[in-house]
Each structure stands twice: as structure tokens, then as C-alpha cells.
C-alpha atoms as a PDB file:
ATOM      1  CA  UNK A   1       0.073   0.196  -0.095  1.00  0.00           C
ATOM      2  CA  UNK A   2       2.914   2.626   1.026  1.00  0.00           C
ATOM      3  CA  UNK A   3       4.700   1.798  -2.469  1.00  0.00           C
ATOM      4  CA  UNK A   4       1.438   2.630  -4.251  1.00  0.00           C
ATOM      5  CA  UNK A   5       1.321   6.176  -2.389  1.00  0.00           C
ATOM      6  CA  UNK A   6       4.739   7.211  -3.528  1.00  0.00           C
ATOM      7  CA  UNK A   7       3.864   8.034  -7.580  1.00  0.00           C
ATOM      8  CA  UNK A   8       0.557   9.254  -6.097  1.00  0.00           C
ATOM      9  CA  UNK A   9       2.737  11.945  -3.865  1.00  0.00           C
ATOM     10  CA  UNK A  10       5.058  12.597  -6.751  1.00  0.00           C
ATOM     11  CA  UNK A  11       1.871  13.470  -8.986  1.00  0.00           C
ATOM     12  CA  UNK A  12       0.585  15.755  -6.643  1.00  0.00           C
ATOM     13  CA  UNK A  13       3.636  17.502  -5.951  1.00  0.00           C
ATOM     14  CA  UNK A  14       4.425  17.923  -9.628  1.00  0.00           C
ATOM     15  CA  UNK A  15       0.355  19.307 -10.319  1.00  0.00           C
ATOM     16  CA  UNK A  16       1.378  21.889  -7.437  1.00  0.00           C
ATOM     17  CA  UNK A  17       4.388  23.318  -8.908  1.00  0.00           C
ATOM     18  CA  UNK A  18       3.016  23.088 -12.151  1.00  0.00           C
ATOM     19  CA  UNK A  19      -0.054  25.133 -10.944  1.00  0.00           C
ATOM     20  CA  UNK A  20       2.357  27.883  -9.215  1.00  0.00           C
ATOM     21  CA  UNK A  21       4.228  28.212 -12.730  1.00  0.00           C
ATOM     22  CA  UNK A  22       1.243  28.903 -14.724  1.00  0.00           C
ATOM     23  CA  UNK A  23       0.119  31.574 -12.346  1.00  0.00           C
ATOM     24  CA  UNK A  24       3.229  33.447 -12.916  1.00  0.00           C
ATOM     25  CA  UNK A  25       3.851  36.182 -15.301  1.00  0.00           C
ATOM     26  CA  UNK A  26       6.335  34.900 -18.473  1.00  0.00           C
ATOM     27  CA  UNK A  27       7.090  38.779 -18.964  1.00  0.00           C
ATOM     28  CA  UNK A  28       8.396  38.715 -15.332  1.00  0.00           C
ATOM     29  CA  UNK A  29      12.161  37.606 -14.857  1.00  0.00           C
ATOM     30  CA  UNK A  30      13.237  37.891 -11.461  1.00  0.00           C
ATOM     31  CA  UNK A  31      16.564  39.813 -10.905  1.00  0.00           C
ATOM     32  CA  UNK A  32      18.498  38.841  -8.235  1.00  0.00           C
ATOM     33  CA  UNK A  33      20.166  42.272  -8.409  1.00  0.00           C
ATOM     34  CA  UNK A  34      17.095  43.913  -6.741  1.00  0.00           C
ATOM     35  CA  UNK A  35      17.661  45.313  -3.572  1.00  0.00           C
ATOM     36  CA  UNK A  36      21.481  45.457  -4.084  1.00  0.00           C
ATOM     37  CA  UNK A  37      23.854  48.023  -5.370  1.00  0.00           C
ATOM     38  CA  UNK A  38      24.131  49.029  -9.104  1.00  0.00           C
ATOM     39  CA  UNK A  39      27.294  47.352 -10.183  1.00  0.00           C
ATOM     40  CA  UNK A  40      29.956  49.699 -10.735  1.00  0.00           C
ATOM     41  CA  UNK A  41      31.584  50.570 -14.340  1.00  0.00           C
ATOM     42  CA  UNK A  42      33.043  53.402 -15.904  1.00  0.00           C
ATOM     43  CA  UNK A  43      32.373  54.007 -19.375  1.00  0.00           C
ATOM     44  CA  UNK A  44      33.060  56.437 -22.254  1.00  0.00           C
ATOM     45  CA  UNK A  45      29.971  58.241 -23.382  1.00  0.00           C
ATOM     46  CA  UNK A  46      28.658  57.815 -26.844  1.00  0.00           C
ATOM     47  CA  UNK A  47      29.254  61.537 -27.998  1.00  0.00           C
ATOM     48  CA  UNK A  48      33.349  61.662 -28.238  1.00  0.00           C
ATOM     49  CA  UNK A  49      32.931  65.247 -29.010  1.00  0.00           C
ATOM     50  CA  UNK A  50      31.516  65.904 -25.212  1.00  0.00           C
ATOM     51  CA  UNK A  51      34.747  63.783 -23.813  1.00  0.00           C
ATOM     52  CA  UNK A  52      31.865  62.306 -21.202  1.00  0.00           C
ATOM     53  CA  UNK A  53      32.313  59.578 -19.317  1.00  0.00           C
ATOM     54  CA  UNK A  54      29.840  57.910 -16.742  1.00  0.00           C
ATOM     55  CA  UNK A  55      29.750  55.815 -13.673  1.00  0.00           C
ATOM     56  CA  UNK A  56      26.788  55.229 -11.428  1.00  0.00           C
ATOM     57  CA  UNK A  57      28.745  56.934  -8.639  1.00  0.00           C
ATOM     58  CA  UNK A  58      28.218  60.029 -10.619  1.00  0.00           C
ATOM     59  CA  UNK A  59      24.547  59.458  -9.756  1.00  0.00           C
ATOM     60  CA  UNK A  60      24.716  58.959  -5.726  1.00  0.00           C
ATOM     61  CA  UNK A  61      22.000  61.227  -4.235  1.00  0.00           C
ATOM     62  CA  UNK A  62      19.498  61.111  -7.298  1.00  0.00           C
ATOM     63  CA  UNK A  63      16.725  58.312  -8.401  1.00  0.00           C
ATOM     64  CA  UNK A  64      17.629  57.246 -11.889  1.00  0.00           C
ATOM     65  CA  UNK A  65      16.787  54.871 -14.739  1.00  0.00           C
ATOM     66  CA  UNK A  66      19.466  52.887 -16.759  1.00  0.00           C
ATOM     67  CA  UNK A  67      18.226  51.955 -19.958  1.00  0.00           C
ATOM     68  CA  UNK A  68      20.064  49.513 -21.982  1.00  0.00           C
ATOM     69  CA  UNK A  69      19.348  49.939 -25.526  1.00  0.00           C
ATOM     70  CA  UNK A  70      21.046  49.553 -29.318  1.00  0.00           C
ATOM     71  CA  UNK A  71      20.849  50.537 -32.637  1.00  0.00           C
ATOM     72  CA  UNK A  72      19.975  47.368 -34.084  1.00  0.00           C
ATOM     73  CA  UNK A  73      16.927  46.628 -31.219  1.00  0.00           C
ATOM     74  CA  UNK A  74      13.593  46.351 -33.162  1.00  0.00           C
ATOM     75  CA  UNK A  75      12.047  46.398 -29.714  1.00  0.00           C
ATOM     76  CA  UNK A  76      13.922  49.607 -28.330  1.00  0.00           C
ATOM     77  CA  UNK A  77      12.665  51.444 -31.230  1.00  0.00           C
ATOM     78  CA  UNK A  78       8.966  50.316 -30.193  1.00  0.00           C
ATOM     79  CA  UNK A  79       9.684  51.727 -26.537  1.00  0.00           C
ATOM     80  CA  UNK A  80      11.277  54.571 -27.442  1.00  0.00           C
ATOM     81  CA  UNK A  81       8.733  56.950 -27.969  1.00  0.00           C
ATOM     82  CA  UNK A  82       7.410  56.247 -24.279  1.00  0.00           C
ATOM     83  CA  UNK A  83      11.077  57.362 -23.031  1.00  0.00           C
ATOM     84  CA  UNK A  84      10.817  60.485 -25.129  1.00  0.00           C
ATOM     85  CA  UNK A  85       7.667  61.160 -23.244  1.00  0.00           C
ATOM     86  CA  UNK A  86       9.166  60.401 -20.187  1.00  0.00           C
ATOM     87  CA  UNK A  87      12.273  62.320 -20.274  1.00  0.00           C
ATOM     88  CA  UNK A  88      10.101  65.555 -21.296  1.00  0.00           C
ATOM     89  CA  UNK A  89       7.971  65.022 -17.976  1.00  0.00           C
ATOM     90  CA  UNK A  90      11.018  65.353 -16.095  1.00  0.00           C
ATOM     91  CA  UNK A  91      10.192  62.694 -13.499  1.00  0.00           C
ATOM     92  CA  UNK A  92      13.410  60.898 -13.192  1.00  0.00           C
ATOM     93  CA  UNK A  93      16.722  61.242 -14.933  1.00  0.00           C
ATOM     94  CA  UNK A  94      17.830  58.667 -17.583  1.00  0.00           C
ATOM     95  CA  UNK A  95      21.110  57.304 -18.907  1.00  0.00           C
ATOM     96  CA  UNK A  96      21.433  55.112 -21.766  1.00  0.00           C
ATOM     97  CA  UNK A  97      23.739  52.320 -22.586  1.00  0.00           C
ATOM     98  CA  UNK A  98      24.432  51.491 -25.652  1.00  0.00           C
ATOM     99  CA  UNK A  99      24.838  47.993 -25.974  1.00  0.00           C
ATOM    100  CA  UNK A 100      26.791  45.621 -27.932  1.00  0.00           C
ATOM    101  CA  UNK A 101      26.382  48.630 -30.473  1.00  0.00           C
ATOM    102  CA  UNK A 102      28.904  50.608 -33.121  1.00  0.00           C
ATOM    103  CA  UNK A 103      29.067  54.010 -31.700  1.00  0.00           C
ATOM    104  CA  UNK A 104      28.424  55.497 -34.735  1.00  0.00           C
ATOM    105  CA  UNK A 105      25.036  53.540 -35.310  1.00  0.00           C
ATOM    106  CA  UNK A 106      23.921  54.503 -31.869  1.00  0.00           C
ATOM    107  CA  UNK A 107      24.671  58.305 -32.456  1.00  0.00           C
ATOM    108  CA  UNK A 108      22.717  58.255 -35.885  1.00  0.00           C
ATOM    109  CA  UNK A 109      19.776  56.349 -34.131  1.00  0.00           C
ATOM    110  CA  UNK A 110      19.378  58.741 -31.513  1.00  0.00           C
ATOM    111  CA  UNK A 111      19.569  61.846 -33.973  1.00  0.00           C
ATOM    112  CA  UNK A 112      17.008  60.078 -36.110  1.00  0.00           C
ATOM    113  CA  UNK A 113      14.355  59.167 -33.245  1.00  0.00           C
ATOM    114  CA  UNK A 114      15.403  61.781 -30.436  1.00  0.00           C
ATOM    115  CA  UNK A 115      17.535  61.379 -27.365  1.00  0.00           C
ATOM    116  CA  UNK A 116      15.798  61.060 -24.240  1.00  0.00           C
ATOM    117  CA  UNK A 117      19.027  60.405 -22.309  1.00  0.00           C
ATOM    118  CA  UNK A 118      20.735  62.975 -19.905  1.00  0.00           C
ATOM    119  CA  UNK A 119      23.981  60.581 -21.400  1.00  0.00           C
ATOM    120  CA  UNK A 120      24.438  57.760 -23.270  1.00  0.00           C
ATOM    121  CA  UNK A 121      27.291  55.393 -21.918  1.00  0.00           C
ATOM    122  CA  UNK A 122      28.911  52.792 -24.600  1.00  0.00           C
ATOM    123  CA  UNK A 123      29.215  48.799 -23.394  1.00  0.00           C
ATOM    124  CA  UNK A 124      30.530  47.707 -26.927  1.00  0.00           C
ATOM    125  CA  UNK A 125      31.837  44.501 -25.826  1.00  0.00           C
ATOM    126  CA  UNK A 126      28.725  43.555 -23.222  1.00  0.00           C
ATOM    127  CA  UNK A 127      30.807  43.498 -20.208  1.00  0.00           C
ATOM    128  CA  UNK A 128      28.946  46.171 -18.189  1.00  0.00           C
ATOM    129  CA  UNK A 129      25.491  44.071 -19.311  1.00  0.00           C
ATOM    130  CA  UNK A 130      26.933  41.006 -17.795  1.00  0.00           C
ATOM    131  CA  UNK A 131      27.162  42.729 -15.039  1.00  0.00           C
ATOM    132  CA  UNK A 132      23.928  43.881 -14.555  1.00  0.00           C
ATOM    133  CA  UNK A 133      22.388  40.738 -15.692  1.00  0.00           C
ATOM    134  CA  UNK A 134      21.226  41.916 -19.043  1.00  0.00           C
ATOM    135  CA  UNK A 135      19.351  39.017 -20.573  1.00  0.00           C
ATOM    136  CA  UNK A 136      18.599  41.279 -23.787  1.00  0.00           C
ATOM    137  CA  UNK A 137      17.660  44.397 -25.110  1.00  0.00           C
ATOM    138  CA  UNK A 138      16.012  46.555 -23.957  1.00  0.00           C
ATOM    139  CA  UNK A 139      16.069  46.274 -20.250  1.00  0.00           C
ATOM    140  CA  UNK A 140      15.578  49.198 -17.786  1.00  0.00           C
ATOM    141  CA  UNK A 141      16.797  49.277 -14.077  1.00  0.00           C
ATOM    142  CA  UNK A 142      15.325  52.091 -11.660  1.00  0.00           C
ATOM    143  CA  UNK A 143      18.101  53.135  -9.025  1.00  0.00           C
ATOM    144  CA  UNK A 144      17.712  54.719  -5.591  1.00  0.00           C
ATOM    145  CA  UNK A 145      19.925  57.659  -4.228  1.00  0.00           C
ATOM    146  CA  UNK A 146      22.068  54.998  -2.543  1.00  0.00           C
ATOM    147  CA  UNK A 147      22.571  53.549  -5.866  1.00  0.00           C
ATOM    148  CA  UNK A 148      20.422  50.400  -5.177  1.00  0.00           C
ATOM    149  CA  UNK A 149      18.474  48.629  -7.738  1.00  0.00           C
ATOM    150  CA  UNK A 150      14.974  48.701  -7.177  1.00  0.00           C
ATOM    151  CA  UNK A 151      12.992  47.802 -10.122  1.00  0.00           C
ATOM    152  CA  UNK A 152      13.945  45.960 -13.248  1.00  0.00           C
ATOM    153  CA  UNK A 153      12.030  45.907 -16.500  1.00  0.00           C
ATOM    154  CA  UNK A 154      13.116  43.516 -19.172  1.00  0.00           C
ATOM    155  CA  UNK A 155      11.684  44.201 -22.633  1.00  0.00           C
ATOM    156  CA  UNK A 156       9.824  47.544 -23.699  1.00  0.00           C
ATOM    157  CA  UNK A 157       9.104  49.923 -21.240  1.00  0.00           C
ATOM    158  CA  UNK A 158       5.382  50.899 -21.847  1.00  0.00           C
ATOM    159  CA  UNK A 159       2.899  53.462 -20.728  1.00  0.00           C
ATOM    160  CA  UNK A 160       1.441  51.160 -18.140  1.00  0.00           C
ATOM    161  CA  UNK A 161       4.831  50.224 -16.843  1.00  0.00           C
ATOM    162  CA  UNK A 162       5.393  54.034 -16.357  1.00  0.00           C
ATOM    163  CA  UNK A 163       2.309  55.102 -14.839  1.00  0.00           C
ATOM    164  CA  UNK A 164       1.802  51.724 -12.616  1.00  0.00           C
ATOM    165  CA  UNK A 165       5.569  50.926 -11.819  1.00  0.00           C
ATOM    166  CA  UNK A 166       7.780  53.219 -12.153  1.00  0.00           C
ATOM    167  CA  UNK A 167       6.327  56.871 -11.533  1.00  0.00           C
ATOM    168  CA  UNK A 168       4.968  55.503  -8.062  1.00  0.00           C
ATOM    169  CA  UNK A 169       8.293  54.035  -7.438  1.00  0.00           C
ATOM    170  CA  UNK A 170      10.348  57.204  -8.514  1.00  0.00           C
ATOM    171  CA  UNK A 171       7.822  59.211  -6.191  1.00  0.00           C
ATOM    172  CA  UNK A 172       8.226  56.996  -3.199  1.00  0.00           C
ATOM    173  CA  UNK A 173      12.165  56.987  -3.743  1.00  0.00           C
ATOM    174  CA  UNK A 174      12.503  60.601  -3.796  1.00  0.00           C
ATOM    175  CA  UNK A 175      11.067  61.231  -0.629  1.00  0.00           C
END
């Protein structure tokens, strides 16, 4: 009798795990970096004429967004108008990270579609993206005044994500 119960118990456990998995949103990928300090880096800016460099240390004391994008990214084109609107609102500062892209292509892309970023840093080889756990572009991180990652969006930022998640969290973090 006990031997017959073992397959039944295993079956019930599998059904429970399947039921839990079906209730999760497949677009939400958990990040182990949420609640942890943003990885530090020092990268050149996308516009060499400005002789800019960027490090997350530059943003300490401010709530800000790091948006990972690329000129070759179709989904980045989809989210770009949303980022332009967010930048125009002045609600939060945004830094771009041009990921695995040719800098001249990134500059052309921003000139064509608009530049919502305070500055765009260059990540030619993807090493910064690796430190941030980038699955693919676009990805967006909301970072608090202490340099801690508080939110991660995998995939395009939508107006709903801005209104329902990003702006309320920005307001809370700016207190």
C-alpha cells in the first residue's frame, strides 16, 4: 500500500509546481540584483566630442533610470516614444547604455528618433551588461539615491509600466 502511495505523492507535488508556474507572468524575469547595489563601471559617453564618461557613482543622491538599448534592437524602437515622453516629463533622470552596438550607429539612431537620455554610455563588448544580468535589450533599471536597484523591466517600457510601476516608485524613492 505504501509503495502505491509514492507515485501519487510525486504526481500531486508535480501538479502543485505546475499550478504555481502557470500563475506567474512569463514577461517578469526575477533579478537577483533587486535590492542590491548597482554594479559599478566607468564607461565612455556615446558622443566623443563631449569627452564624457559615466559611472553610477555620478548619480549617487539621485533617483535615476539606466536604460539598456541598441540601434539594432527592434523592441528599443517600440519603447523609444515612451522614453521620450518620460524624459519630457522631467520625472526622473535617464542614462542610456548603448549595448553591443557600434557607437556611430547609436549616435545616428538617437539623431533620427530623439535622445531622451541625460547621457548615453557605451558598452561595446557587453561586459557592463553582464554585470547587470542583461538578458537582452531593452532592459530598464530604476536605481535609488543610495545606488541600489529597486526595479527592473525586461523588454520594452510601456505607458502602463511607466504609470503603474516606475512613476509611483520614483515618487516613493524621492522622499
